[in-house]
């Protein structure tokens, strides 16, 4: 196995790791959103509970763009890594 294919394999694995990590973070964010919704619903029509729910949802939604960006970067790394792995040729010296 030449060095270029090893680089392709490493880049592919890094991309796959980034995708799985972002999917894990997305799952955790959904769990936190569900907890915030269930906690704030137990307070009834309290105006402070609705304000706290809004603030918490705003804080949680800050991470959505980062997760989506990580998914896109991970996908691009996987595509580039697979391209190098399968179509990367050794340079003629």
N, C-alpha and C. Protein backbone atom coordinates (compact mmCIF):
# COMPACT_ATOMS: atom_id res chain seq x y z
N UNK A 1 0.84 -1.17 0.00
CA UNK A 1 0.00 0.00 0.00
C UNK A 1 0.89 1.24 0.00
N UNK A 2 0.67 2.10 -0.95
CA UNK A 2 1.53 3.28 -1.00
C UNK A 2 1.02 4.36 -0.04
N UNK A 3 1.82 5.37 0.11
CA UNK A 3 1.56 6.41 1.10
C UNK A 3 0.28 7.19 0.79
N UNK A 4 0.01 7.41 -0.49
CA UNK A 4 -1.18 8.17 -0.87
C UNK A 4 -2.46 7.45 -0.45
N UNK A 5 -2.48 6.14 -0.59
CA UNK A 5 -3.67 5.38 -0.18
C UNK A 5 -3.83 5.38 1.33
N UNK A 6 -2.73 5.37 2.04
CA UNK A 6 -2.81 5.46 3.50
C UNK A 6 -3.39 6.81 3.91
N UNK A 7 -2.96 7.89 3.24
CA UNK A 7 -3.54 9.20 3.51
C UNK A 7 -5.04 9.21 3.22
N UNK A 8 -5.44 8.59 2.14
CA UNK A 8 -6.86 8.51 1.80
C UNK A 8 -7.65 7.78 2.87
N UNK A 9 -7.09 6.69 3.38
CA UNK A 9 -7.75 5.93 4.43
C UNK A 9 -7.87 6.75 5.71
N UNK A 10 -6.82 7.47 6.07
CA UNK A 10 -6.84 8.28 7.27
C UNK A 10 -7.87 9.41 7.16
N UNK A 11 -7.91 10.07 6.00
CA UNK A 11 -8.88 11.16 5.80
C UNK A 11 -10.31 10.61 5.85
N UNK A 12 -10.53 9.43 5.26
CA UNK A 12 -11.85 8.81 5.29
C UNK A 12 -12.26 8.49 6.72
N UNK A 13 -11.36 7.96 7.51
CA UNK A 13 -11.68 7.63 8.90
C UNK A 13 -11.95 8.88 9.74
N UNK A 14 -11.20 9.94 9.48
CA UNK A 14 -11.46 11.20 10.19
C UNK A 14 -12.83 11.74 9.83
N UNK A 15 -13.19 11.67 8.55
CA UNK A 15 -14.52 12.12 8.12
C UNK A 15 -15.63 11.30 8.74
N UNK A 16 -15.45 9.98 8.79
CA UNK A 16 -16.46 9.11 9.40
C UNK A 16 -16.57 9.40 10.90
N UNK A 17 -15.46 9.63 11.55
CA UNK A 17 -15.49 9.98 12.98
C UNK A 17 -16.21 11.29 13.22
N UNK A 18 -15.98 12.27 12.35
CA UNK A 18 -16.67 13.56 12.49
C UNK A 18 -18.18 13.40 12.31
N UNK A 19 -18.57 12.57 11.35
CA UNK A 19 -20.01 12.35 11.11
C UNK A 19 -20.65 11.67 12.31
N UNK A 20 -20.02 10.62 12.82
CA UNK A 20 -20.60 9.91 13.97
C UNK A 20 -20.64 10.80 15.21
N UNK A 21 -19.61 11.62 15.41
CA UNK A 21 -19.61 12.53 16.55
C UNK A 21 -20.74 13.55 16.42
N UNK A 22 -20.94 14.10 15.23
CA UNK A 22 -22.01 15.09 15.04
C UNK A 22 -23.38 14.47 15.20
N UNK A 23 -23.55 13.24 14.76
CA UNK A 23 -24.83 12.56 14.96
C UNK A 23 -25.09 12.32 16.44
N UNK A 24 -24.04 11.99 17.19
CA UNK A 24 -24.17 11.81 18.64
C UNK A 24 -24.57 13.12 19.31
N UNK A 25 -23.92 14.21 18.93
CA UNK A 25 -24.23 15.52 19.52
C UNK A 25 -25.66 15.93 19.16
N UNK A 26 -26.08 15.64 17.93
CA UNK A 26 -27.45 15.97 17.52
C UNK A 26 -28.47 15.21 18.36
N UNK A 27 -28.18 13.95 18.65
CA UNK A 27 -29.06 13.14 19.48
C UNK A 27 -29.12 13.71 20.90
N UNK A 28 -27.98 14.11 21.43
CA UNK A 28 -27.96 14.69 22.78
C UNK A 28 -28.72 16.02 22.83
N UNK A 29 -28.61 16.84 21.79
CA UNK A 29 -29.34 18.10 21.76
C UNK A 29 -30.84 17.86 21.72
N UNK A 30 -31.28 16.85 20.98
CA UNK A 30 -32.71 16.52 20.96
C UNK A 30 -33.18 16.06 22.34
N UNK A 31 -32.35 15.30 23.03
CA UNK A 31 -32.69 14.85 24.38
C UNK A 31 -32.81 16.04 25.33
N UNK A 32 -31.90 16.99 25.22
CA UNK A 32 -31.95 18.17 26.08
C UNK A 32 -33.18 19.01 25.78
N UNK A 33 -33.53 19.15 24.49
CA UNK A 33 -34.74 19.89 24.12
C UNK A 33 -35.98 19.23 24.73
N UNK A 34 -36.02 17.91 24.70
CA UNK A 34 -37.17 17.19 25.29
C UNK A 34 -37.23 17.41 26.79
N UNK A 35 -36.08 17.43 27.45
CA UNK A 35 -36.07 17.67 28.89
C UNK A 35 -36.54 19.07 29.23
N UNK A 36 -36.10 20.04 28.44
CA UNK A 36 -36.53 21.42 28.69
C UNK A 36 -38.04 21.54 28.50
N UNK A 37 -38.58 20.90 27.48
CA UNK A 37 -40.02 20.97 27.23
C UNK A 37 -40.81 20.29 28.35
N UNK A 38 -40.33 19.14 28.81
CA UNK A 38 -41.06 18.45 29.88
C UNK A 38 -40.93 19.18 31.21
N UNK A 39 -39.79 19.79 31.47
CA UNK A 39 -39.61 20.51 32.73
C UNK A 39 -40.46 21.78 32.75
N UNK A 40 -40.49 22.49 31.64
CA UNK A 40 -41.25 23.74 31.64
C UNK A 40 -42.76 23.48 31.60
N UNK A 41 -43.18 22.32 31.08
CA UNK A 41 -44.61 22.03 31.07
C UNK A 41 -45.14 21.70 32.47
N UNK A 42 -44.27 21.30 33.37
CA UNK A 42 -44.72 20.96 34.73
C UNK A 42 -45.04 22.20 35.56
N UNK A 43 -44.61 23.39 35.09
CA UNK A 43 -44.88 24.62 35.82
C UNK A 43 -46.19 25.28 35.41
N UNK A 44 -46.85 24.76 34.42
CA UNK A 44 -48.14 25.30 34.01
C UNK A 44 -48.00 26.59 33.22
N UNK A 45 -48.82 27.58 33.56
CA UNK A 45 -48.85 28.85 32.84
C UNK A 45 -48.00 29.93 33.50
N UNK A 46 -46.97 29.55 34.17
CA UNK A 46 -46.08 30.49 34.82
C UNK A 46 -45.31 31.27 33.75
N UNK A 47 -45.36 32.60 33.78
CA UNK A 47 -44.65 33.37 32.74
C UNK A 47 -43.13 33.23 32.83
N UNK A 48 -42.62 33.03 34.03
CA UNK A 48 -41.18 32.86 34.17
C UNK A 48 -40.70 31.55 33.57
N UNK A 49 -41.56 30.54 33.63
CA UNK A 49 -41.20 29.25 33.03
C UNK A 49 -41.11 29.36 31.51
N UNK A 50 -42.02 30.14 30.91
CA UNK A 50 -41.97 30.29 29.46
C UNK A 50 -40.75 31.11 29.04
N UNK A 51 -40.36 32.09 29.85
CA UNK A 51 -39.15 32.87 29.55
C UNK A 51 -37.92 31.97 29.66
N UNK A 52 -37.87 31.16 30.71
CA UNK A 52 -36.73 30.26 30.90
C UNK A 52 -36.67 29.23 29.77
N UNK A 53 -37.83 28.75 29.33
CA UNK A 53 -37.86 27.80 28.22
C UNK A 53 -37.33 28.44 26.95
N UNK A 54 -37.72 29.68 26.69
CA UNK A 54 -37.24 30.39 25.50
C UNK A 54 -35.75 30.62 25.53
N UNK A 55 -35.22 31.00 26.69
CA UNK A 55 -33.78 31.22 26.83
C UNK A 55 -33.02 29.91 26.65
N UNK A 56 -33.53 28.84 27.26
CA UNK A 56 -32.86 27.55 27.13
C UNK A 56 -32.89 27.06 25.69
N UNK A 57 -34.01 27.22 25.00
CA UNK A 57 -34.08 26.79 23.60
C UNK A 57 -33.17 27.63 22.71
N UNK A 58 -33.02 28.91 23.03
CA UNK A 58 -32.08 29.75 22.26
C UNK A 58 -30.64 29.28 22.45
N UNK A 59 -30.29 28.95 23.69
CA UNK A 59 -28.94 28.46 23.96
C UNK A 59 -28.68 27.13 23.26
N UNK A 60 -29.67 26.26 23.27
CA UNK A 60 -29.52 24.95 22.64
C UNK A 60 -29.41 25.10 21.12
N UNK A 61 -30.20 25.99 20.55
CA UNK A 61 -30.21 26.14 19.09
C UNK A 61 -28.93 26.77 18.55
N UNK A 62 -28.10 27.35 19.41
CA UNK A 62 -26.81 27.88 18.97
C UNK A 62 -25.92 26.78 18.40
N UNK A 63 -26.10 25.58 18.86
CA UNK A 63 -25.23 24.47 18.45
C UNK A 63 -25.70 23.78 17.17
N UNK A 64 -26.90 24.11 16.69
CA UNK A 64 -27.41 23.45 15.49
C UNK A 64 -26.54 23.72 14.27
N UNK A 65 -26.14 24.97 14.08
CA UNK A 65 -25.31 25.32 12.92
C UNK A 65 -23.95 24.63 12.99
N UNK A 66 -23.40 24.53 14.20
CA UNK A 66 -22.11 23.86 14.35
C UNK A 66 -22.21 22.38 14.00
N UNK A 67 -23.30 21.76 14.42
CA UNK A 67 -23.48 20.33 14.15
C UNK A 67 -23.67 20.09 12.65
N UNK A 68 -24.47 20.93 12.01
CA UNK A 68 -24.68 20.78 10.58
C UNK A 68 -23.39 21.05 9.81
N UNK A 69 -22.64 22.05 10.23
CA UNK A 69 -21.33 22.30 9.61
C UNK A 69 -20.39 21.13 9.78
N UNK A 70 -20.40 20.52 10.95
CA UNK A 70 -19.57 19.34 11.18
C UNK A 70 -19.97 18.17 10.31
N UNK A 71 -21.28 17.99 10.10
CA UNK A 71 -21.75 16.93 9.21
C UNK A 71 -21.30 17.17 7.77
N UNK A 72 -21.38 18.42 7.34
CA UNK A 72 -20.96 18.74 5.98
C UNK A 72 -19.47 18.54 5.81
N UNK A 73 -18.68 19.00 6.77
CA UNK A 73 -17.22 18.84 6.69
C UNK A 73 -16.84 17.36 6.75
N UNK A 74 -17.50 16.60 7.62
CA UNK A 74 -17.23 15.17 7.70
C UNK A 74 -17.57 14.46 6.41
N UNK A 75 -18.67 14.84 5.78
CA UNK A 75 -19.05 14.23 4.50
C UNK A 75 -18.03 14.56 3.41
N UNK A 76 -17.60 15.83 3.38
CA UNK A 76 -16.59 16.21 2.39
C UNK A 76 -15.28 15.47 2.61
N UNK A 77 -14.88 15.32 3.88
CA UNK A 77 -13.65 14.57 4.16
C UNK A 77 -13.76 13.12 3.73
N UNK A 78 -14.94 12.53 3.93
CA UNK A 78 -15.12 11.15 3.49
C UNK A 78 -15.04 11.03 1.98
N UNK A 79 -15.65 11.95 1.27
CA UNK A 79 -15.62 11.91 -0.19
C UNK A 79 -14.19 12.09 -0.70
N UNK A 80 -13.48 13.07 -0.15
CA UNK A 80 -12.10 13.30 -0.57
C UNK A 80 -11.22 12.11 -0.21
N UNK A 81 -11.40 11.56 0.97
CA UNK A 81 -10.61 10.41 1.38
C UNK A 81 -10.86 9.19 0.50
N UNK A 82 -12.13 8.95 0.18
CA UNK A 82 -12.43 7.82 -0.71
C UNK A 82 -11.90 8.06 -2.11
N UNK A 83 -11.95 9.30 -2.56
CA UNK A 83 -11.39 9.63 -3.88
C UNK A 83 -9.89 9.34 -3.89
N UNK A 84 -9.19 9.79 -2.87
CA UNK A 84 -7.75 9.53 -2.80
C UNK A 84 -7.48 8.04 -2.68
N UNK A 85 -8.28 7.35 -1.91
CA UNK A 85 -8.08 5.92 -1.68
C UNK A 85 -8.24 5.11 -2.96
N UNK A 86 -9.27 5.40 -3.73
CA UNK A 86 -9.54 4.59 -4.91
C UNK A 86 -8.96 5.13 -6.20
N UNK A 87 -8.84 6.48 -6.33
CA UNK A 87 -8.39 7.03 -7.59
C UNK A 87 -7.04 7.74 -7.47
N UNK A 88 -6.48 7.78 -6.28
CA UNK A 88 -5.18 8.40 -6.11
C UNK A 88 -4.09 7.54 -6.73
N UNK A 89 -3.33 8.13 -7.64
CA UNK A 89 -2.27 7.37 -8.29
C UNK A 89 -0.93 7.88 -7.85
N UNK A 90 0.01 7.02 -7.91
CA UNK A 90 1.36 7.37 -7.55
C UNK A 90 1.95 8.26 -8.62
N UNK A 91 2.67 9.30 -8.21
CA UNK A 91 3.30 10.20 -9.17
C UNK A 91 4.47 9.50 -9.85
N UNK A 92 4.62 9.77 -11.12
CA UNK A 92 5.78 9.24 -11.83
C UNK A 92 6.94 10.21 -11.63
N UNK A 93 8.03 9.67 -11.16
CA UNK A 93 9.18 10.54 -10.89
C UNK A 93 10.22 10.37 -11.93
